[in-house]
């Protein structure tokens, strides 16, 4: 992979995750403070990610793998997304907010698989090259979080005056920029064109399901679904949790989790090569258990270090599991079904797992809602800690060590 291609892919990743990080971290707080949404409404809003992720593999398998260049699809989606994001800036109640967000997430979620597919298509050794490109996505998310706190949109005064509404304009501008940026090369031509008759199974990317015939991959697939249930608690509740505790610049502090992502993405190739896939995934799941225990017993006084440590563990939690999983998926998919396979793992994690997880998190948060409008956060965080521990035990017990081979 040449330096010019690496730079283009890195900037693509930066903008992709800047767009998402501009609004996703603070959406729960925005809905509570600006629109006065209830816990169930916030849960429903986050579940739009799952709807988009479930549809994603079909869109990617139908279009990106068979008919059109992936980078052109990516650009078109982000141009349309910019319009919808700006529309979210205009709404004043949840009934108008939800359908626009749902439409946007149905468009956006396939782009997570597309940027991976575009990147993998340019690489000879993804297990060594991908992390150095993917790290720029993390930096994009960090930049968005720091910018929001620097502009004081998430400060007590900013929340009172409704400044979090500006996050949607910020995301819309970045999406517009990425839309135009995506069209030039590097080109990612369709990989699954067939000279034979049209087949719906191939067109919809369902052939990627053959990956589940591999025992280890099927276990990884199931573990990915299950571990995303506790992950949903973090994405949905962390911002409201820190806000209720009175932590200043909470969005900027949450971005420290992505700062740790940068560090662990750099370490991932060494750890992956030295200790293997199974150990890498196991360490990630153990880090999730520790993170939620720290959230359960930490506070904004003497226990602040526990909260910050829990945030900083995000690098291990995310990189060691999800980035490793994307590489693992790419090695099993082969060249023909790269896009459809990335869509499949997107369905497993962001779709099925987190979709159910957001519903569970909403029910648990509402159950532990106190009369004064606050929450019993200790009880809430102990639940994802327990789920993470059980998933880790299941994975360690049944997943066999496997050497990752170069798919190219």
Protein backbone atom coordinates (compact mmCIF):
# COMPACT_ATOMS: atom_id res chain seq x y z
CA UNK A 1 0.00 0.00 0.00
CA UNK A 2 1.52 3.29 -1.11
CA UNK A 3 1.80 6.32 1.19
CA UNK A 4 -0.69 8.35 -0.89
CA UNK A 5 -3.29 5.59 -0.66
CA UNK A 6 -2.68 5.25 3.08
CA UNK A 7 -3.22 9.00 3.56
CA UNK A 8 -6.47 8.94 1.57
CA UNK A 9 -7.79 5.96 3.52
CA UNK A 10 -6.76 7.53 6.82
CA UNK A 11 -8.62 10.77 6.10
CA UNK A 12 -11.66 8.77 5.01
CA UNK A 13 -11.61 6.95 8.37
CA UNK A 14 -11.12 10.25 10.25
CA UNK A 15 -14.18 11.84 8.65
CA UNK A 16 -16.31 8.68 8.94
CA UNK A 17 -15.94 8.54 12.71
CA UNK A 18 -15.90 12.32 13.20
CA UNK A 19 -19.40 12.35 11.70
CA UNK A 20 -20.57 9.63 14.08
CA UNK A 21 -18.78 10.95 17.17
CA UNK A 22 -20.18 14.45 16.62
CA UNK A 23 -23.62 13.42 17.85
CA UNK A 24 -23.63 9.82 19.07
CA UNK A 25 -21.88 10.26 22.43
CA UNK A 26 -24.11 13.13 23.54
CA UNK A 27 -27.42 11.97 22.01
CA UNK A 28 -28.72 10.54 25.29
CA UNK A 29 -27.96 13.79 27.12
CA UNK A 30 -29.35 15.84 24.20
CA UNK A 31 -32.63 13.93 24.20
CA UNK A 32 -33.02 14.32 27.96
CA UNK A 33 -32.12 18.01 28.19
CA UNK A 34 -33.34 19.43 24.85
CA UNK A 35 -36.36 17.26 24.04
CA UNK A 36 -37.13 15.96 27.57
CA UNK A 37 -37.27 12.37 26.34
CA UNK A 38 -37.82 9.47 28.73
CA UNK A 39 -35.48 6.49 29.21
CA UNK A 40 -37.62 4.38 26.88
CA UNK A 41 -37.46 7.07 24.19
CA UNK A 42 -33.68 7.31 24.51
CA UNK A 43 -33.46 3.54 24.22
CA UNK A 44 -35.65 3.64 21.10
CA UNK A 45 -33.44 6.34 19.57
CA UNK A 46 -30.28 4.29 20.09
CA UNK A 47 -32.02 1.22 18.69
CA UNK A 48 -32.13 2.89 15.26
CA UNK A 49 -28.49 1.86 15.03
CA UNK A 50 -29.60 -1.76 15.26
CA UNK A 51 -32.23 -1.35 12.53
CA UNK A 52 -29.60 0.15 10.24
CA UNK A 53 -27.08 -2.55 11.07
CA UNK A 54 -29.56 -5.34 10.32
CA UNK A 55 -30.27 -3.84 6.90
CA UNK A 56 -26.60 -3.03 6.23
CA UNK A 57 -25.37 -6.45 5.03
CA UNK A 58 -28.20 -6.68 2.52
CA UNK A 59 -27.47 -3.24 1.08
CA UNK A 60 -23.74 -3.87 0.97
CA UNK A 61 -24.11 -7.39 -0.38
CA UNK A 62 -26.63 -6.33 -3.00
CA UNK A 63 -24.86 -3.20 -4.19
CA UNK A 64 -21.20 -2.99 -3.15
CA UNK A 65 -20.19 -6.58 -3.83
CA UNK A 66 -22.00 -6.91 -7.15
CA UNK A 67 -22.80 -3.71 -9.03
CA UNK A 68 -21.12 -0.44 -8.01
CA UNK A 69 -17.80 0.80 -6.71
CA UNK A 70 -17.91 0.96 -2.92
CA UNK A 71 -16.42 4.46 -2.67
CA UNK A 72 -19.19 5.90 -4.88
CA UNK A 73 -21.87 4.33 -2.69
CA UNK A 74 -20.10 5.74 0.37
CA UNK A 75 -20.09 9.25 -1.09
CA UNK A 76 -23.74 9.14 -2.11
CA UNK A 77 -24.84 7.95 1.32
CA UNK A 78 -22.95 10.70 3.15
CA UNK A 79 -24.35 13.43 0.91
CA UNK A 80 -27.88 12.24 1.63
CA UNK A 81 -26.96 11.82 5.30
CA UNK A 82 -25.86 15.45 5.57
CA UNK A 83 -29.39 16.56 4.66
CA UNK A 84 -30.96 14.28 7.28
CA UNK A 85 -28.50 15.35 9.99
CA UNK A 86 -29.32 19.00 9.38
CA UNK A 87 -32.99 18.07 9.60
CA UNK A 88 -32.38 16.65 13.09
CA UNK A 89 -31.05 20.05 14.11
CA UNK A 90 -34.46 21.55 13.33
CA UNK A 91 -36.78 19.23 15.29
CA UNK A 92 -38.25 20.08 18.67
CA UNK A 93 -39.96 16.88 19.85
CA UNK A 94 -39.21 13.15 19.85
CA UNK A 95 -42.08 12.20 17.55
CA UNK A 96 -40.45 14.22 14.77
CA UNK A 97 -36.91 13.32 15.78
CA UNK A 98 -37.24 9.52 15.66
CA UNK A 99 -38.25 8.92 12.01
CA UNK A 100 -35.50 11.21 10.70
CA UNK A 101 -32.90 9.50 12.87
CA UNK A 102 -34.15 6.08 11.76
CA UNK A 103 -33.83 7.04 8.09
CA UNK A 104 -30.33 8.38 8.72
CA UNK A 105 -29.11 5.28 10.55
CA UNK A 106 -30.46 2.96 7.85
CA UNK A 107 -28.22 4.90 5.47
CA UNK A 108 -25.23 5.35 7.79
CA UNK A 109 -24.69 1.86 9.23
CA UNK A 110 -23.70 0.27 5.89
CA UNK A 111 -20.89 2.83 5.61
CA UNK A 112 -19.05 1.17 8.53
CA UNK A 113 -18.70 -1.97 6.44
CA UNK A 114 -17.94 0.04 3.28
CA UNK A 115 -14.96 1.93 4.75
CA UNK A 116 -13.53 -1.37 5.97
CA UNK A 117 -14.07 -2.99 2.58
CA UNK A 118 -12.46 -0.04 0.76
CA UNK A 119 -9.48 -0.21 3.11
CA UNK A 120 -8.99 -3.98 2.99
CA UNK A 121 -9.15 -3.88 -0.82
CA UNK A 122 -5.98 -1.75 -0.90
CA UNK A 123 -3.98 -3.87 1.57
CA UNK A 124 -1.71 -6.84 1.07
CA UNK A 125 -1.38 -7.62 4.80
CA UNK A 126 -4.50 -6.34 6.60
CA UNK A 127 -3.43 -7.82 9.94
CA UNK A 128 -0.42 -5.46 9.88
CA UNK A 129 -1.70 -2.50 7.83
CA UNK A 130 -5.32 -2.02 8.90
CA UNK A 131 -4.72 -0.72 12.43
CA UNK A 132 -2.55 2.17 11.17
CA UNK A 133 -5.46 3.32 8.98
CA UNK A 134 -8.27 2.53 11.42
CA UNK A 135 -6.56 4.57 14.14
CA UNK A 136 -7.49 7.73 12.23
CA UNK A 137 -11.14 6.88 12.70
CA UNK A 138 -10.50 6.88 16.42
CA UNK A 139 -8.78 10.25 16.16
CA UNK A 140 -11.83 11.59 14.32
CA UNK A 141 -14.09 10.49 17.17
CA UNK A 142 -11.69 12.03 19.71
CA UNK A 143 -11.56 15.31 17.80
CA UNK A 144 -15.36 15.54 17.79
CA UNK A 145 -15.58 14.93 21.55
CA UNK A 146 -12.88 17.42 22.45
CA UNK A 147 -14.42 20.04 20.14
CA UNK A 148 -17.85 19.70 21.77
CA UNK A 149 -16.37 20.20 25.24
CA UNK A 150 -14.07 23.00 24.06
CA UNK A 151 -17.09 24.85 22.72
CA UNK A 152 -18.86 24.19 26.07
CA UNK A 153 -21.90 22.69 24.37
CA UNK A 154 -22.02 20.01 27.11
CA UNK A 155 -21.36 22.39 30.02
CA UNK A 156 -24.16 23.08 32.56
CA UNK A 157 -24.70 26.46 30.92
CA UNK A 158 -24.64 24.91 27.47
CA UNK A 159 -27.17 22.26 28.46
CA UNK A 160 -29.43 24.93 29.96
CA UNK A 161 -29.41 26.96 26.73
CA UNK A 162 -29.71 23.92 24.46
CA UNK A 163 -26.31 24.20 22.77
CA UNK A 164 -26.08 20.43 22.21
CA UNK A 165 -28.44 21.04 19.30
CA UNK A 166 -25.38 22.31 17.40
CA UNK A 167 -23.87 18.81 17.33
CA UNK A 168 -26.23 17.93 14.48
CA UNK A 169 -25.00 20.84 12.35
CA UNK A 170 -21.41 19.84 13.04
CA UNK A 171 -22.14 16.28 11.94
CA UNK A 172 -24.00 17.47 8.85
CA UNK A 173 -21.04 19.58 7.71
CA UNK A 174 -18.58 16.73 8.18
CA UNK A 175 -20.90 14.32 6.34
CA UNK A 176 -21.14 16.72 3.42
CA UNK A 177 -17.34 16.96 3.24
CA UNK A 178 -16.91 13.19 3.36
CA UNK A 179 -19.55 12.76 0.69
CA UNK A 180 -17.58 14.79 -1.85
CA UNK A 181 -14.26 13.36 -0.67
CA UNK A 182 -15.32 9.76 -1.25
CA UNK A 183 -15.84 9.83 -5.02
CA UNK A 184 -12.24 9.99 -6.32
CA UNK A 185 -10.05 6.83 -6.28
CA UNK A 186 -8.82 4.57 -4.76
CA UNK A 187 -11.47 2.54 -6.55
CA UNK A 188 -13.05 -0.51 -4.97
CA UNK A 189 -14.65 -2.42 -7.85
CA UNK A 190 -17.39 -5.02 -7.30
CA UNK A 191 -15.83 -8.30 -6.19
CA UNK A 192 -18.70 -10.76 -6.56
CA UNK A 193 -19.84 -10.32 -10.15
CA UNK A 194 -20.86 -13.61 -11.65
CA UNK A 195 -21.03 -14.60 -15.29
CA UNK A 196 -23.94 -16.92 -14.50
CA UNK A 197 -27.62 -16.11 -14.00
CA UNK A 198 -28.73 -13.67 -11.35
CA UNK A 199 -29.11 -15.27 -7.92
CA UNK A 200 -30.81 -13.56 -5.01
CA UNK A 201 -28.64 -15.42 -2.48
CA UNK A 202 -25.48 -13.99 -4.01
CA UNK A 203 -26.97 -10.54 -4.67
CA UNK A 204 -28.13 -10.12 -1.07
CA UNK A 205 -24.77 -11.24 0.29
CA UNK A 206 -26.26 -14.32 1.95
CA UNK A 207 -23.32 -16.40 0.74
CA UNK A 208 -21.34 -14.71 3.51
CA UNK A 209 -23.36 -16.85 5.91
CA UNK A 210 -21.16 -19.76 4.87
CA UNK A 211 -18.62 -18.34 7.31
CA UNK A 212 -20.79 -19.72 10.11
CA UNK A 213 -20.04 -23.26 8.96
CA UNK A 214 -16.58 -22.77 10.47
CA UNK A 215 -16.94 -23.75 14.14
CA UNK A 216 -14.58 -21.16 15.55
CA UNK A 217 -16.09 -18.37 13.48
CA UNK A 218 -19.61 -19.36 14.56
CA UNK A 219 -18.50 -19.15 18.22
CA UNK A 220 -16.90 -15.75 17.57
CA UNK A 221 -20.09 -14.60 15.79
CA UNK A 222 -22.28 -15.62 18.74
CA UNK A 223 -19.85 -14.06 21.24
CA UNK A 224 -19.92 -10.83 19.23
CA UNK A 225 -23.69 -10.70 19.53
CA UNK A 226 -23.67 -11.41 23.26
CA UNK A 227 -20.85 -9.00 24.19
CA UNK A 228 -22.67 -6.16 22.43
CA UNK A 229 -25.49 -6.37 24.97
CA UNK A 230 -23.29 -4.86 27.73
CA UNK A 231 -21.67 -2.55 25.16
CA UNK A 232 -25.09 -0.96 24.58
CA UNK A 233 -25.17 0.06 28.25
CA UNK A 234 -21.98 2.10 27.74
CA UNK A 235 -23.09 3.92 24.61
CA UNK A 236 -26.59 4.63 25.89
CA UNK A 237 -25.91 5.43 29.55
CA UNK A 238 -22.36 6.72 29.95
CA UNK A 239 -23.06 10.34 29.00
CA UNK A 240 -26.24 10.68 31.14
CA UNK A 241 -24.41 8.83 33.96
CA UNK A 242 -21.48 11.25 34.03
CA UNK A 243 -23.82 14.22 33.65
CA UNK A 244 -25.91 13.11 36.65
CA UNK A 245 -22.74 12.73 38.71
CA UNK A 246 -21.85 16.32 37.85
CA UNK A 247 -18.63 15.61 35.96
CA UNK A 248 -17.46 18.71 34.06
CA UNK A 249 -16.55 18.44 30.35
CA UNK A 250 -17.98 14.92 30.33
CA UNK A 251 -17.88 14.63 26.52
CA UNK A 252 -14.21 15.55 26.40
CA UNK A 253 -13.45 13.11 29.21
CA UNK A 254 -15.36 10.34 27.40
CA UNK A 255 -13.15 11.06 24.38
CA UNK A 256 -10.24 9.83 26.51
CA UNK A 257 -11.61 6.39 25.75
CA UNK A 258 -10.85 6.99 22.09
CA UNK A 259 -7.41 8.37 23.00
CA UNK A 260 -6.73 4.99 24.57
CA UNK A 261 -8.02 3.43 21.34
CA UNK A 262 -5.17 5.12 19.51
CA UNK A 263 -2.61 3.63 21.87
CA UNK A 264 -4.06 0.14 21.77
CA UNK A 265 -4.51 0.21 17.99
CA UNK A 266 -0.77 0.80 17.77
CA UNK A 267 -0.19 -2.10 20.16
CA UNK A 268 -2.73 -4.39 18.50
CA UNK A 269 -0.52 -5.81 15.68
CA UNK A 270 2.15 -6.83 18.21
CA UNK A 271 -0.35 -8.27 20.69
CA UNK A 272 -2.30 -10.00 17.92
CA UNK A 273 0.84 -11.60 16.48
CA UNK A 274 2.47 -12.43 19.81
CA UNK A 275 -0.48 -13.77 21.79
CA UNK A 276 -2.97 -14.84 19.12
CA UNK A 277 -6.63 -14.13 18.39
CA UNK A 278 -8.16 -15.98 21.34
CA UNK A 279 -6.05 -14.23 23.97
CA UNK A 280 -6.64 -10.85 22.34
CA UNK A 281 -10.43 -11.29 22.42
CA UNK A 282 -10.34 -12.66 25.97
CA UNK A 283 -8.39 -9.67 27.29
CA UNK A 284 -10.95 -7.38 25.67
CA UNK A 285 -13.89 -9.05 27.40
CA UNK A 286 -12.14 -9.05 30.78
CA UNK A 287 -11.54 -5.32 30.36
CA UNK A 288 -15.30 -4.84 29.93
CA UNK A 289 -15.97 -6.55 33.23
CA UNK A 290 -13.46 -4.30 35.02
CA UNK A 291 -14.81 -1.17 33.33
CA UNK A 292 -18.38 -1.71 34.48
CA UNK A 293 -17.29 -2.60 38.02
CA UNK A 294 -15.37 0.69 38.17
CA UNK A 295 -18.46 2.55 36.95
CA UNK A 296 -20.59 0.80 39.57
CA UNK A 297 -18.34 1.70 42.52
CA UNK A 298 -16.83 4.99 41.31
CA UNK A 299 -18.05 8.52 42.02
CA UNK A 300 -17.18 12.10 41.16
CA UNK A 301 -15.20 12.62 44.37
CA UNK A 302 -12.70 10.12 45.77
CA UNK A 303 -13.73 7.57 43.13
CA UNK A 304 -13.12 9.79 40.11
CA UNK A 305 -10.06 7.72 39.20
CA UNK A 306 -12.33 4.69 38.80
CA UNK A 307 -14.58 6.53 36.38
CA UNK A 308 -11.65 7.78 34.32
CA UNK A 309 -10.01 4.35 34.31
CA UNK A 310 -13.27 2.81 33.15
CA UNK A 311 -13.35 5.28 30.27
CA UNK A 312 -9.69 4.65 29.40
CA UNK A 313 -10.34 0.90 29.21
CA UNK A 314 -12.43 1.56 26.12
CA UNK A 315 -9.32 1.19 23.96
CA UNK A 316 -8.83 -2.41 25.03
CA UNK A 317 -12.56 -3.16 25.02
CA UNK A 318 -13.12 -1.90 21.49
CA UNK A 319 -9.84 -2.42 19.63
CA UNK A 320 -8.95 -5.83 20.94
CA UNK A 321 -12.41 -7.19 20.22
CA UNK A 322 -13.94 -5.33 17.27
CA UNK A 323 -10.89 -4.44 15.20
CA UNK A 324 -9.52 -7.94 15.75
CA UNK A 325 -12.91 -9.29 14.77
CA UNK A 326 -12.94 -7.28 11.55
CA UNK A 327 -9.53 -8.65 10.62
CA UNK A 328 -10.62 -12.18 11.57
CA UNK A 329 -13.75 -11.83 9.44
CA UNK A 330 -11.72 -10.60 6.47
CA UNK A 331 -9.40 -13.62 6.63
CA UNK A 332 -12.31 -16.07 6.53
CA UNK A 333 -14.31 -14.20 3.86
CA UNK A 334 -11.74 -14.26 1.08
CA UNK A 335 -11.59 -11.73 -1.74
CA UNK A 336 -14.98 -12.48 -3.28
CA UNK A 337 -17.17 -11.62 -0.29
CA UNK A 338 -15.19 -9.01 1.62
CA UNK A 339 -17.97 -6.41 1.68
CA UNK A 340 -20.75 -8.90 2.46
CA UNK A 341 -18.70 -10.47 5.26
CA UNK A 342 -18.01 -7.09 6.85
CA UNK A 343 -21.73 -6.41 6.58
CA UNK A 344 -22.41 -9.70 8.31
CA UNK A 345 -20.28 -8.87 11.33
CA UNK A 346 -21.87 -5.41 11.40
CA UNK A 347 -25.26 -7.14 11.61
CA UNK A 348 -24.06 -9.35 14.47
CA UNK A 349 -22.55 -6.56 16.56
CA UNK A 350 -24.30 -3.25 15.85
CA UNK A 351 -27.54 -4.91 14.77
CA UNK A 352 -28.67 -7.97 16.69
CA UNK A 353 -26.48 -7.63 19.79
CA UNK A 354 -26.72 -3.92 20.40
CA UNK A 355 -30.35 -3.78 19.29
CA UNK A 356 -31.30 -6.17 22.06
CA UNK A 357 -28.78 -4.49 24.37
CA UNK A 358 -30.33 -1.04 23.92
CA UNK A 359 -33.75 -2.47 24.78
CA UNK A 360 -32.35 -4.18 27.90
CA UNK A 361 -30.45 -1.04 28.93
CA UNK A 362 -33.60 1.05 28.56
CA UNK A 363 -35.65 -1.34 30.68
CA UNK A 364 -32.96 -1.57 33.37
CA UNK A 365 -32.45 2.21 33.47
CA UNK A 366 -36.17 2.79 33.82
CA UNK A 367 -36.42 0.11 36.54
CA UNK A 368 -33.70 1.82 38.60
CA UNK A 369 -35.08 5.32 38.03
CA UNK A 370 -35.44 7.13 41.35
CA UNK A 371 -38.30 9.42 42.26
CA UNK A 372 -36.18 12.55 42.02
CA UNK A 373 -35.37 11.80 38.36
CA UNK A 374 -31.92 10.33 39.03
CA UNK A 375 -30.81 6.69 38.73
CA UNK A 376 -29.37 3.95 40.93
CA UNK A 377 -26.26 3.68 38.76
CA UNK A 378 -24.48 1.10 40.92
CA UNK A 379 -27.24 -1.44 40.29
CA UNK A 380 -27.41 -0.52 36.61
CA UNK A 381 -23.67 -1.02 35.93
CA UNK A 382 -23.40 -4.30 37.83
CA UNK A 383 -25.71 -5.93 35.27
CA UNK A 384 -23.48 -5.41 32.17
CA UNK A 385 -20.47 -6.39 34.32
CA UNK A 386 -22.11 -9.73 35.02
CA UNK A 387 -23.14 -10.27 31.38
CA UNK A 388 -19.59 -9.53 30.20
CA UNK A 389 -18.15 -12.05 32.67
CA UNK A 390 -20.52 -14.78 31.48
CA UNK A 391 -19.75 -14.14 27.80
CA UNK A 392 -16.02 -14.25 28.53
CA UNK A 393 -16.36 -17.59 30.32
CA UNK A 394 -18.35 -19.02 27.39
CA UNK A 395 -15.80 -17.85 24.81
CA UNK A 396 -12.76 -19.10 26.73
CA UNK A 397 -14.39 -22.48 27.23
CA UNK A 398 -15.32 -23.29 23.61
CA UNK A 399 -13.16 -21.21 21.24
CA UNK A 400 -10.05 -23.05 20.05
CA UNK A 401 -6.76 -21.18 19.40
CA UNK A 402 -6.47 -20.37 15.70
CA UNK A 403 -3.64 -18.97 13.60
CA UNK A 404 -4.70 -16.14 11.31
CA UNK A 405 -3.56 -16.50 7.73
CA UNK A 406 -3.06 -13.74 5.16
CA UNK A 407 -6.31 -13.70 3.11
CA UNK A 408 -4.57 -12.27 0.06
